[in-house]
Amino acid sequence: MRITRNLITGGAGFLGSHLTDRLMNAGEEVICLDNYFTGRKSNIEQWIGHPRFELIRHDVTEPIRLEVDRIWHLACPASPVHYQFNPIKTAKTSFLGTYNMLGLARRVGARLLLASTSEVYGDPEVHPQPESYRGCVNTIGIRSCYDEGKRIAETLCFDYQRMHGTEIRVMRIFNTYGPRMLPDDGRVVSNFIVQALQGQPLTLYGDGSQTRSFCYVDDLVEGMIRLMNGNHTGPINIGNPGEFTIRQLAELVRDRINPKLELITKPLPQDDPLQRQPIIDLARQELGWEPKIALQDGLESTIDWFRQITGGVDA
């Protein structure tokens, strides 16, 4: 029986490296494609030199020719700090990167999974969000390069399916956290943990009443694999439906690291969504998937990992 050959774009990143671990441990072949803008070679160094693993430094905005069975298209900076650094490049990555990967999938007959995002819902006027909700997105704001980039990526996937019969799977990822997050990526979980470990006040943007749903990375990867292996095209929400205010998250992190730390507030950034919570009925029904790891438990392992990479000493 031939071993499945997987291409993971963004394979050295936060999500991609955890997916790499799962597929390698399952005995499959993995080609990891990354330009190292937010990916890190250290995330996948344990596989370098393995006969079933190949690492290629490449930017997905340029075409590439490979022979693969499955394409996991994760490449794109996903935190505001990184995708706003060069918004034109972010939009190009979403459009041209997806276009190039769909072209590859069509040529070799591969199935492609697109890592889309809950950001396609924008600042939602429907709460919580089902897959049928079409979103409320500012087309000209500072987050638009990512939000609209992922929307056109979804459009391309379904047009390739309709025109060329390309096999696609589309997942909308909600806030995900866990080991290998970058300390400086600007996401709320890593921000709070790093600030707390450094003995700094935890910064809330706005009054902290805006809500998010946090999915641990192991749960997310399990949902991703079930979607790729299943028969449902998507789009399908993959996230944890447990809803927390940002203030509640800050208090959970603070209480685990240093309960004496202060919470301070700053103005809310432009177009920052006030609410974000997935309806995952479709994932439960079609994939038999739902998250297993509670936020409190996932935070423990994430904090432990940040302690290791920051020297292990709480300020």
C-alpha atoms as a PDB file:
ATOM      1  CA  MET A   1       0.000   0.000   0.000  1.00  0.00           C
ATOM      2  CA  ARG A   2       1.426   3.365  -1.071  1.00  0.00           C
ATOM      3  CA  ILE A   3       2.072   5.920   1.652  1.00  0.00           C
ATOM      4  CA  THR A   4       0.005   9.114   1.378  1.00  0.00           C
ATOM      5  CA  ARG A   5       2.132  12.093   0.372  1.00  0.00           C
ATOM      6  CA  ASN A   6       1.053  15.355   2.021  1.00  0.00           C
ATOM      7  CA  LEU A   7       2.024  18.908   1.159  1.00  0.00           C
ATOM      8  CA  ILE A   8       1.594  21.366   4.041  1.00  0.00           C
ATOM      9  CA  THR A   9       1.985  25.024   3.111  1.00  0.00           C
ATOM     10  CA  GLY A  10       2.980  26.998   6.174  1.00  0.00           C
ATOM     11  CA  GLY A  11       4.180  23.691   7.579  1.00  0.00           C
ATOM     12  CA  ALA A  12       6.756  25.244   9.917  1.00  0.00           C
ATOM     13  CA  GLY A  13       4.188  27.531  11.518  1.00  0.00           C
ATOM     14  CA  PHE A  14       2.097  27.153  14.653  1.00  0.00           C
ATOM     15  CA  LEU A  15      -0.713  25.033  13.187  1.00  0.00           C
ATOM     16  CA  GLY A  16       1.328  23.507  10.375  1.00  0.00           C
ATOM     17  CA  SER A  17       3.978  22.072  12.672  1.00  0.00           C
ATOM     18  CA  HIS A  18       1.393  20.380  14.894  1.00  0.00           C
ATOM     19  CA  LEU A  19      -0.266  18.927  11.787  1.00  0.00           C
ATOM     20  CA  THR A  20       3.162  17.760  10.599  1.00  0.00           C
ATOM     21  CA  ASP A  21       3.650  15.917  13.893  1.00  0.00           C
ATOM     22  CA  ARG A  22       0.296  14.147  13.549  1.00  0.00           C
ATOM     23  CA  LEU A  23       0.863  13.043   9.956  1.00  0.00           C
ATOM     24  CA  MET A  24       4.453  11.947  10.535  1.00  0.00           C
ATOM     25  CA  ASN A  25       3.453   9.974  13.617  1.00  0.00           C
ATOM     26  CA  ALA A  26       0.744   8.320  11.498  1.00  0.00           C
ATOM     27  CA  GLY A  27       3.414   7.030   9.090  1.00  0.00           C
ATOM     28  CA  GLU A  28       2.626   9.362   6.187  1.00  0.00           C
ATOM     29  CA  GLU A  29       4.970  11.421   4.003  1.00  0.00           C
ATOM     30  CA  VAL A  30       5.115  15.174   4.541  1.00  0.00           C
ATOM     31  CA  ILE A  31       6.511  17.919   2.337  1.00  0.00           C
ATOM     32  CA  CYS A  32       6.710  21.081   4.423  1.00  0.00           C
ATOM     33  CA  LEU A  33       6.613  24.341   2.463  1.00  0.00           C
ATOM     34  CA  ASP A  34       7.383  27.583   4.314  1.00  0.00           C
ATOM     35  CA  ASN A  35       8.991  30.975   3.695  1.00  0.00           C
ATOM     36  CA  TYR A  36       9.671  31.458   7.444  1.00  0.00           C
ATOM     37  CA  PHE A  37       7.871  34.788   7.743  1.00  0.00           C
ATOM     38  CA  THR A  38       6.019  33.494  10.797  1.00  0.00           C
ATOM     39  CA  GLY A  39       7.107  29.851  10.629  1.00  0.00           C
ATOM     40  CA  ARG A  40      10.173  28.615  12.492  1.00  0.00           C
ATOM     41  CA  LYS A  41      12.483  25.770  11.507  1.00  0.00           C
ATOM     42  CA  SER A  42      12.745  24.886  15.196  1.00  0.00           C
ATOM     43  CA  ASN A  43       9.063  23.839  15.114  1.00  0.00           C
ATOM     44  CA  ILE A  44       9.804  20.939  12.770  1.00  0.00           C
ATOM     45  CA  GLU A  45      13.508  20.308  13.427  1.00  0.00           C
ATOM     46  CA  GLN A  46      12.747  16.916  14.990  1.00  0.00           C
ATOM     47  CA  TRP A  47      11.734  15.662  11.517  1.00  0.00           C
ATOM     48  CA  ILE A  48      14.628  17.084   9.486  1.00  0.00           C
ATOM     49  CA  GLY A  49      16.564  14.176   8.001  1.00  0.00           C
ATOM     50  CA  HIS A  50      13.678  11.722   8.376  1.00  0.00           C
ATOM     51  CA  PRO A  51      13.160   9.693   5.166  1.00  0.00           C
ATOM     52  CA  ARG A  52       9.434  10.547   5.036  1.00  0.00           C
ATOM     53  CA  PHE A  53       9.944  14.289   5.572  1.00  0.00           C
ATOM     54  CA  GLU A  54      11.062  16.994   3.158  1.00  0.00           C
ATOM     55  CA  LEU A  55      11.482  20.697   3.919  1.00  0.00           C
ATOM     56  CA  ILE A  56      11.331  23.286   1.129  1.00  0.00           C
ATOM     57  CA  ARG A  57      11.810  27.017   1.588  1.00  0.00           C
ATOM     58  CA  HIS A  58       9.275  28.542  -0.774  1.00  0.00           C
ATOM     59  CA  ASP A  59       6.782  31.402  -1.022  1.00  0.00           C
ATOM     60  CA  VAL A  60       3.342  30.212  -2.136  1.00  0.00           C
ATOM     61  CA  THR A  61       2.802  33.362  -4.202  1.00  0.00           C
ATOM     62  CA  GLU A  62       5.136  31.632  -6.676  1.00  0.00           C
ATOM     63  CA  PRO A  63       4.018  28.398  -8.405  1.00  0.00           C
ATOM     64  CA  ILE A  64       5.681  25.101  -7.550  1.00  0.00           C
ATOM     65  CA  ARG A  65       5.511  21.668  -9.185  1.00  0.00           C
ATOM     66  CA  LEU A  66       5.317  18.651  -6.908  1.00  0.00           C
ATOM     67  CA  GLU A  67       3.682  15.226  -6.918  1.00  0.00           C
ATOM     68  CA  VAL A  68       1.376  14.965  -3.900  1.00  0.00           C
ATOM     69  CA  ASP A  69      -1.891  13.330  -2.868  1.00  0.00           C
ATOM     70  CA  ARG A  70      -3.152  15.944  -0.432  1.00  0.00           C
ATOM     71  CA  ILE A  71      -2.554  19.654   0.005  1.00  0.00           C
ATOM     72  CA  TRP A  72      -3.099  21.281   3.382  1.00  0.00           C
ATOM     73  CA  HIS A  73      -3.071  24.980   2.507  1.00  0.00           C
ATOM     74  CA  LEU A  74      -2.283  26.809   5.740  1.00  0.00           C
ATOM     75  CA  ALA A  75       0.208  29.413   4.499  1.00  0.00           C
ATOM     76  CA  CYS A  76      -0.743  32.953   5.524  1.00  0.00           C
ATOM     77  CA  PRO A  77       0.129  35.140   8.510  1.00  0.00           C
ATOM     78  CA  ALA A  78      -2.851  34.875  10.855  1.00  0.00           C
ATOM     79  CA  SER A  79      -2.289  37.420  13.618  1.00  0.00           C
ATOM     80  CA  PRO A  80      -2.977  41.150  13.126  1.00  0.00           C
ATOM     81  CA  VAL A  81       0.610  42.125  13.987  1.00  0.00           C
ATOM     82  CA  HIS A  82       1.926  39.967  11.154  1.00  0.00           C
ATOM     83  CA  TYR A  83      -0.744  40.315   8.488  1.00  0.00           C
ATOM     84  CA  GLN A  84      -0.846  44.106   8.890  1.00  0.00           C
ATOM     85  CA  PHE A  85       2.955  44.357   8.586  1.00  0.00           C
ATOM     86  CA  ASN A  86       2.607  44.098   4.798  1.00  0.00           C
ATOM     87  CA  PRO A  87      -1.105  44.034   3.948  1.00  0.00           C
ATOM     88  CA  ILE A  88      -0.532  43.868   0.190  1.00  0.00           C
ATOM     89  CA  LYS A  89       1.656  40.798   0.645  1.00  0.00           C
ATOM     90  CA  THR A  90      -1.018  39.272   2.890  1.00  0.00           C
ATOM     91  CA  ALA A  91      -3.684  39.749   0.221  1.00  0.00           C
ATOM     92  CA  LYS A  92      -1.333  38.299  -2.415  1.00  0.00           C
ATOM     93  CA  THR A  93      -0.648  35.281  -0.202  1.00  0.00           C
ATOM     94  CA  SER A  94      -4.360  34.574   0.192  1.00  0.00           C
ATOM     95  CA  PHE A  95      -5.204  35.043  -3.479  1.00  0.00           C
ATOM     96  CA  LEU A  96      -2.106  33.968  -5.408  1.00  0.00           C
ATOM     97  CA  GLY A  97      -1.111  31.345  -2.848  1.00  0.00           C
ATOM     98  CA  THR A  98      -4.523  29.703  -3.012  1.00  0.00           C
ATOM     99  CA  TYR A  99      -4.634  30.066  -6.802  1.00  0.00           C
ATOM    100  CA  ASN A 100      -1.250  28.348  -7.132  1.00  0.00           C
ATOM    101  CA  MET A 101      -2.157  25.528  -4.750  1.00  0.00           C
ATOM    102  CA  LEU A 102      -5.488  24.936  -6.497  1.00  0.00           C
ATOM    103  CA  GLY A 103      -3.634  24.832  -9.809  1.00  0.00           C
ATOM    104  CA  LEU A 104      -1.297  22.212  -8.367  1.00  0.00           C
ATOM    105  CA  ALA A 105      -4.232  20.234  -6.958  1.00  0.00           C
ATOM    106  CA  ARG A 106      -5.917  20.274 -10.350  1.00  0.00           C
ATOM    107  CA  ARG A 107      -2.775  19.144 -12.197  1.00  0.00           C
ATOM    108  CA  VAL A 108      -1.987  16.192  -9.932  1.00  0.00           C
ATOM    109  CA  GLY A 109      -5.520  15.275  -8.831  1.00  0.00           C
ATOM    110  CA  ALA A 110      -4.876  16.096  -5.168  1.00  0.00           C
ATOM    111  CA  ARG A 111      -7.480  16.970  -2.561  1.00  0.00           C
ATOM    112  CA  LEU A 112      -6.947  20.458  -1.106  1.00  0.00           C
ATOM    113  CA  LEU A 113      -7.939  21.659   2.343  1.00  0.00           C
ATOM    114  CA  LEU A 114      -8.087  25.427   2.797  1.00  0.00           C
ATOM    115  CA  ALA A 115      -7.454  26.811   6.264  1.00  0.00           C
ATOM    116  CA  SER A 116      -9.942  29.664   6.167  1.00  0.00           C
ATOM    117  CA  THR A 117     -10.936  31.669   9.206  1.00  0.00           C
ATOM    118  CA  SER A 118     -13.730  32.980  11.377  1.00  0.00           C
ATOM    119  CA  GLU A 119     -12.548  36.407  10.200  1.00  0.00           C
ATOM    120  CA  VAL A 120     -14.704  35.873   7.096  1.00  0.00           C
ATOM    121  CA  TYR A 121     -17.608  36.716   9.429  1.00  0.00           C
ATOM    122  CA  GLY A 122     -16.029  40.103  10.226  1.00  0.00           C
ATOM    123  CA  ASP A 123     -17.674  41.920  13.142  1.00  0.00           C
ATOM    124  CA  PRO A 124     -20.727  39.665  13.129  1.00  0.00           C
ATOM    125  CA  GLU A 125     -24.289  40.891  13.447  1.00  0.00           C
ATOM    126  CA  VAL A 126     -25.409  37.283  14.005  1.00  0.00           C
ATOM    127  CA  HIS A 127     -24.264  35.582  17.209  1.00  0.00           C
ATOM    128  CA  PRO A 128     -23.112  32.852  17.510  1.00  0.00           C
ATOM    129  CA  GLN A 129     -22.036  32.281  13.908  1.00  0.00           C
ATOM    130  CA  PRO A 130     -23.293  29.414  11.710  1.00  0.00           C
ATOM    131  CA  GLU A 131     -21.631  28.574   8.402  1.00  0.00           C
ATOM    132  CA  SER A 132     -24.647  30.017   6.568  1.00  0.00           C
ATOM    133  CA  TYR A 133     -23.926  33.524   7.904  1.00  0.00           C
ATOM    134  CA  ARG A 134     -22.322  35.638   5.170  1.00  0.00           C
ATOM    135  CA  GLY A 135     -20.546  38.053   7.456  1.00  0.00           C
ATOM    136  CA  CYS A 136     -20.176  41.767   8.098  1.00  0.00           C
ATOM    137  CA  VAL A 137     -16.733  42.742   6.829  1.00  0.00           C
ATOM    138  CA  ASN A 138     -15.184  46.153   6.215  1.00  0.00           C
ATOM    139  CA  THR A 139     -13.611  45.945   2.751  1.00  0.00           C
ATOM    140  CA  ILE A 140     -11.267  48.926   3.282  1.00  0.00           C
ATOM    141  CA  GLY A 141     -10.141  48.595   6.910  1.00  0.00           C
ATOM    142  CA  ILE A 142      -6.777  47.650   8.366  1.00  0.00           C
ATOM    143  CA  ARG A 143      -7.891  44.013   8.832  1.00  0.00           C
ATOM    144  CA  SER A 144      -9.373  43.716   5.338  1.00  0.00           C
ATOM    145  CA  CYS A 145      -6.234  42.271   3.738  1.00  0.00           C
ATOM    146  CA  TYR A 146      -6.716  39.128   5.824  1.00  0.00           C
ATOM    147  CA  ASP A 147     -10.514  38.998   6.106  1.00  0.00           C
ATOM    148  CA  GLU A 148     -11.172  39.649   2.426  1.00  0.00           C
ATOM    149  CA  GLY A 149      -8.136  37.608   1.409  1.00  0.00           C
ATOM    150  CA  LYS A 150      -9.622  34.527   3.035  1.00  0.00           C
ATOM    151  CA  ARG A 151     -13.032  35.251   1.533  1.00  0.00           C
ATOM    152  CA  ILE A 152     -11.593  35.308  -1.999  1.00  0.00           C
ATOM    153  CA  ALA A 153      -9.599  32.165  -1.173  1.00  0.00           C
ATOM    154  CA  GLU A 154     -12.870  30.392  -0.351  1.00  0.00           C
ATOM    155  CA  THR A 155     -14.389  31.733  -3.576  1.00  0.00           C
ATOM    156  CA  LEU A 156     -11.477  30.374  -5.616  1.00  0.00           C
ATOM    157  CA  CYS A 157     -11.839  26.945  -4.015  1.00  0.00           C
ATOM    158  CA  PHE A 158     -15.495  26.630  -4.918  1.00  0.00           C
ATOM    159  CA  ASP A 159     -14.942  27.998  -8.432  1.00  0.00           C
ATOM    160  CA  TYR A 160     -12.218  25.379  -9.004  1.00  0.00           C
ATOM    161  CA  GLN A 161     -14.607  22.734  -7.727  1.00  0.00           C
ATOM    162  CA  ARG A 162     -17.390  23.887 -10.059  1.00  0.00           C
ATOM    163  CA  MET A 163     -15.203  24.445 -13.140  1.00  0.00           C
ATOM    164  CA  HIS A 164     -12.614  21.683 -12.816  1.00  0.00           C
ATOM    165  CA  GLY A 165     -14.014  19.174 -10.333  1.00  0.00           C
ATOM    166  CA  THR A 166     -11.152  19.858  -7.910  1.00  0.00           C
ATOM    167  CA  GLU A 167     -11.643  18.114  -4.570  1.00  0.00           C
ATOM    168  CA  ILE A 168     -11.744  20.770  -1.858  1.00  0.00           C
ATOM    169  CA  ARG A 169     -12.312  20.979   1.877  1.00  0.00           C
ATOM    170  CA  VAL A 170     -12.829  24.386   3.534  1.00  0.00           C
ATOM    171  CA  MET A 171     -12.531  24.910   7.284  1.00  0.00           C
ATOM    172  CA  ARG A 172     -13.192  28.151   9.126  1.00  0.00           C
ATOM    173  CA  ILE A 173     -10.795  28.254  12.053  1.00  0.00           C
ATOM    174  CA  PHE A 174     -11.729  30.136  15.204  1.00  0.00           C
ATOM    175  CA  ASN A 175      -9.213  31.417  17.773  1.00  0.00           C
ATOM    176  CA  THR A 176      -6.647  28.696  18.407  1.00  0.00           C
ATOM    177  CA  TYR A 177      -3.888  28.594  21.011  1.00  0.00           C
ATOM    178  CA  GLY A 178      -1.226  26.268  22.371  1.00  0.00           C
ATOM    179  CA  PRO A 179       2.512  25.550  22.349  1.00  0.00           C
ATOM    180  CA  ARG A 180       4.580  27.052  19.487  1.00  0.00           C
ATOM    181  CA  MET A 181       2.626  30.292  19.352  1.00  0.00           C
ATOM    182  CA  LEU A 182       5.058  33.139  18.746  1.00  0.00           C
ATOM    183  CA  PRO A 183       5.618  35.310  21.836  1.00  0.00           C
ATOM    184  CA  ASP A 184       5.363  38.481  19.727  1.00  0.00           C
ATOM    185  CA  ASP A 185       2.451  37.523  17.479  1.00  0.00           C
ATOM    186  CA  GLY A 186       0.029  39.943  19.121  1.00  0.00           C
ATOM    187  CA  ARG A 187      -2.666  37.344  19.790  1.00  0.00           C
ATOM    188  CA  VAL A 188      -4.489  37.767  23.038  1.00  0.00           C
ATOM    189  CA  VAL A 189      -3.464  34.449  24.641  1.00  0.00           C
ATOM    190  CA  SER A 190       0.245  34.892  23.949  1.00  0.00           C
ATOM    191  CA  ASN A 191       0.079  38.591  24.871  1.00  0.00           C
ATOM    192  CA  PHE A 192      -1.381  37.870  28.297  1.00  0.00           C
ATOM    193  CA  ILE A 193       0.968  34.965  29.054  1.00  0.00           C
ATOM    194  CA  VAL A 194       4.112  36.854  28.033  1.00  0.00           C
ATOM    195  CA  GLN A 195       3.078  39.973  29.956  1.00  0.00           C
ATOM    196  CA  ALA A 196       2.282  37.934  33.066  1.00  0.00           C
ATOM    197  CA  LEU A 197       5.560  35.988  32.940  1.00  0.00           C
ATOM    198  CA  GLN A 198       7.422  39.301  32.652  1.00  0.00           C
ATOM    199  CA  GLY A 199       5.541  40.731  35.633  1.00  0.00           C
ATOM    200  CA  GLN A 200       3.847  43.394  33.513  1.00  0.00           C
ATOM    201  CA  PRO A 201       0.218  44.555  33.739  1.00  0.00           C
ATOM    202  CA  LEU A 202      -2.083  42.667  31.368  1.00  0.00           C
ATOM    203  CA  THR A 203      -3.357  44.945  28.597  1.00  0.00           C
ATOM    204  CA  LEU A 204      -7.044  44.849  27.695  1.00  0.00           C
ATOM    205  CA  TYR A 205      -8.140  46.624  24.525  1.00  0.00           C
ATOM    206  CA  GLY A 206     -11.503  48.234  25.136  1.00  0.00           C
ATOM    207  CA  ASP A 207     -13.172  47.337  28.425  1.00  0.00           C
ATOM    208  CA  GLY A 208     -12.489  43.616  27.992  1.00  0.00           C
ATOM    209  CA  SER A 209     -16.148  42.742  27.440  1.00  0.00           C
ATOM    210  CA  GLN A 210     -15.624  41.560  23.853  1.00  0.00           C
ATOM    211  CA  THR A 211     -15.833  37.774  23.570  1.00  0.00           C
ATOM    212  CA  ARG A 212     -13.815  35.046  21.889  1.00  0.00           C
ATOM    213  CA  SER A 213     -13.863  31.252  21.783  1.00  0.00           C
ATOM    214  CA  PHE A 214     -10.523  29.527  22.297  1.00  0.00           C
ATOM    215  CA  CYS A 215      -9.715  26.122  20.802  1.00  0.00           C
ATOM    216  CA  TYR A 216      -6.622  24.185  21.885  1.00  0.00           C
ATOM    217  CA  VAL A 217      -4.351  23.309  18.975  1.00  0.00           C
ATOM    218  CA  ASP A 218      -4.612  19.510  19.416  1.00  0.00           C
ATOM    219  CA  ASP A 219      -8.399  19.706  19.124  1.00  0.00           C
ATOM    220  CA  LEU A 220      -8.104  21.929  16.062  1.00  0.00           C
ATOM    221  CA  VAL A 221      -5.722  19.555  14.268  1.00  0.00           C
ATOM    222  CA  GLU A 222      -8.035  16.619  14.983  1.00  0.00           C
ATOM    223  CA  GLY A 223     -10.914  18.521  13.364  1.00  0.00           C
ATOM    224  CA  MET A 224      -8.719  19.402  10.398  1.00  0.00           C
ATOM    225  CA  ILE A 225      -7.760  15.767   9.815  1.00  0.00           C
ATOM    226  CA  ARG A 226     -11.356  14.580  10.098  1.00  0.00           C
ATOM    227  CA  LEU A 227     -12.451  17.165   7.541  1.00  0.00           C
ATOM    228  CA  MET A 228      -9.725  16.166   5.078  1.00  0.00           C
ATOM    229  CA  ASN A 229     -10.550  12.469   5.490  1.00  0.00           C
ATOM    230  CA  GLY A 230     -14.316  12.946   5.345  1.00  0.00           C
ATOM    231  CA  ASN A 231     -16.832  13.575   2.587  1.00  0.00           C
ATOM    232  CA  HIS A 232     -18.064  17.043   3.561  1.00  0.00           C
ATOM    233  CA  THR A 233     -16.719  19.884   1.420  1.00  0.00           C
ATOM    234  CA  GLY A 234     -17.467  22.660   3.883  1.00  0.00           C
ATOM    235  CA  PRO A 235     -17.236  25.447   4.734  1.00  0.00           C
ATOM    236  CA  ILE A 236     -17.302  24.085   8.252  1.00  0.00           C
ATOM    237  CA  ASN A 237     -16.597  25.849  11.542  1.00  0.00           C
ATOM    238  CA  ILE A 238     -13.789  24.330  13.598  1.00  0.00           C
ATOM    239  CA  GLY A 239     -13.487  25.979  16.983  1.00  0.00           C
ATOM    240  CA  ASN A 240     -14.475  25.747  20.608  1.00  0.00           C
ATOM    241  CA  PRO A 241     -18.020  27.013  21.260  1.00  0.00           C
ATOM    242  CA  GLY A 242     -17.164  27.965  24.851  1.00  0.00           C
ATOM    243  CA  GLU A 243     -17.391  31.771  24.978  1.00  0.00           C
ATOM    244  CA  PHE A 244     -15.212  33.912  27.256  1.00  0.00           C
ATOM    245  CA  THR A 245     -14.780  37.641  27.602  1.00  0.00           C
ATOM    246  CA  ILE A 246     -11.268  38.949  27.108  1.00  0.00           C
ATOM    247  CA  ARG A 247     -11.329  40.083  30.724  1.00  0.00           C
ATOM    248  CA  GLN A 248     -12.159  36.538  31.864  1.00  0.00           C
ATOM    249  CA  LEU A 249      -9.220  35.209  29.836  1.00  0.00           C
ATOM    250  CA  ALA A 250      -6.895  37.797  31.374  1.00  0.00           C
ATOM    251  CA  GLU A 251      -8.021  36.802  34.856  1.00  0.00           C
ATOM    252  CA  LEU A 252      -7.493  33.093  34.112  1.00  0.00           C
ATOM    253  CA  VAL A 253      -3.935  33.750  32.922  1.00  0.00           C
ATOM    254  CA  ARG A 254      -3.146  36.154  35.755  1.00  0.00           C
ATOM    255  CA  ASP A 255      -4.438  33.779  38.426  1.00  0.00           C
ATOM    256  CA  ARG A 256      -2.202  30.984  37.114  1.00  0.00           C
ATOM    257  CA  ILE A 257       0.967  33.076  36.949  1.00  0.00           C
ATOM    258  CA  ASN A 258       0.754  36.046  39.323  1.00  0.00           C
ATOM    259  CA  PRO A 259      -2.606  36.992  40.908  1.00  0.00           C
ATOM    260  CA  LYS A 260      -1.204  40.363  42.017  1.00  0.00           C
ATOM    261  CA  LEU A 261      -0.807  41.712  38.482  1.00  0.00           C
ATOM    262  CA  GLU A 262      -2.909  44.663  37.381  1.00  0.00           C
ATOM    263  CA  LEU A 263      -5.249  44.750  34.378  1.00  0.00           C
ATOM    264  CA  ILE A 264      -5.021  47.955  32.319  1.00  0.00           C
ATOM    265  CA  THR A 265      -7.115  49.136  29.363  1.00  0.00           C
ATOM    266  CA  LYS A 266      -6.265  50.751  26.025  1.00  0.00           C
ATOM    267  CA  PRO A 267      -8.490  51.836  23.108  1.00  0.00           C
ATOM    268  CA  LEU A 268      -9.995  49.070  20.970  1.00  0.00           C
ATOM    269  CA  PRO A 269      -8.303  48.742  17.531  1.00  0.00           C
ATOM    270  CA  GLN A 270     -10.285  49.491  14.369  1.00  0.00           C
ATOM    271  CA  ASP A 271     -12.707  46.742  13.256  1.00  0.00           C
ATOM    272  CA  ASP A 272     -11.838  44.489  16.201  1.00  0.00           C
ATOM    273  CA  PRO A 273     -14.861  42.136  16.458  1.00  0.00           C
ATOM    274  CA  LEU A 274     -16.963  42.498  19.594  1.00  0.00           C
ATOM    275  CA  GLN A 275     -18.192  38.893  19.532  1.00  0.00           C
ATOM    276  CA  ARG A 276     -16.893  35.658  18.059  1.00  0.00           C
ATOM    277  CA  GLN A 277     -18.333  32.212  18.818  1.00  0.00           C
ATOM    278  CA  PRO A 278     -18.823  29.261  16.463  1.00  0.00           C
ATOM    279  CA  ILE A 279     -21.853  27.080  16.037  1.00  0.00           C
ATOM    280  CA  ILE A 280     -20.270  23.648  15.504  1.00  0.00           C
ATOM    281  CA  ASP A 281     -23.392  21.552  14.885  1.00  0.00           C
ATOM    282  CA  LEU A 282     -22.166  20.767  11.363  1.00  0.00           C
ATOM    283  CA  ALA A 283     -18.782  19.545  12.630  1.00  0.00           C
ATOM    284  CA  ARG A 284     -20.497  17.351  15.210  1.00  0.00           C
ATOM    285  CA  GLN A 285     -22.890  15.934  12.621  1.00  0.00           C
ATOM    286  CA  GLU A 286     -20.559  15.485   9.637  1.00  0.00           C
ATOM    287  CA  LEU A 287     -17.199  14.856  11.310  1.00  0.00           C
ATOM    288  CA  GLY A 288     -18.146  13.481  14.713  1.00  0.00           C
ATOM    289  CA  TRP A 289     -15.889  16.213  16.080  1.00  0.00           C
ATOM    290  CA  GLU A 290     -16.039  18.533  19.021  1.00  0.00           C
ATOM    291  CA  PRO A 291     -13.266  19.971  21.192  1.00  0.00           C
ATOM    292  CA  LYS A 292     -12.225  17.969  24.247  1.00  0.00           C
ATOM    293  CA  ILE A 293      -9.729  20.232  26.015  1.00  0.00           C
ATOM    294  CA  ALA A 294     -11.087  22.884  28.388  1.00  0.00           C
ATOM    295  CA  LEU A 295      -9.564  26.361  28.286  1.00  0.00           C
ATOM    296  CA  GLN A 296      -8.221  26.031  31.823  1.00  0.00           C
ATOM    297  CA  ASP A 297      -6.352  22.820  30.917  1.00  0.00           C
ATOM    298  CA  GLY A 298      -5.046  24.115  27.608  1.00  0.00           C
ATOM    299  CA  LEU A 299      -3.756  27.267  29.266  1.00  0.00           C
ATOM    300  CA  GLU A 300      -1.695  25.195  31.708  1.00  0.00           C
ATOM    301  CA  SER A 301       0.292  23.468  28.948  1.00  0.00           C
ATOM    302  CA  THR A 302       0.573  26.692  26.950  1.00  0.00           C
ATOM    303  CA  ILE A 303       1.922  28.603  29.961  1.00  0.00           C
ATOM    304  CA  ASP A 304       4.387  25.772  30.639  1.00  0.00           C
ATOM    305  CA  TRP A 305       5.653  26.035  27.061  1.00  0.00           C
ATOM    306  CA  PHE A 306       6.076  29.810  27.284  1.00  0.00           C
ATOM    307  CA  ARG A 307       7.973  29.359  30.552  1.00  0.00           C
ATOM    308  CA  GLN A 308      10.405  27.048  28.743  1.00  0.00           C
ATOM    309  CA  ILE A 309      11.107  29.427  25.866  1.00  0.00           C
ATOM    310  CA  THR A 310      11.359  32.527  28.079  1.00  0.00           C
ATOM    311  CA  GLY A 311      13.743  31.020  30.604  1.00  0.00           C
ATOM    312  CA  GLY A 312      11.216  29.549  32.989  1.00  0.00           C
ATOM    313  CA  VAL A 313      11.242  32.321  35.588  1.00  0.00           C
ATOM    314  CA  ASP A 314       8.132  34.302  36.472  1.00  0.00           C
ATOM    315  CA  ALA A 315       8.903  37.940  37.178  1.00  0.00           C
END
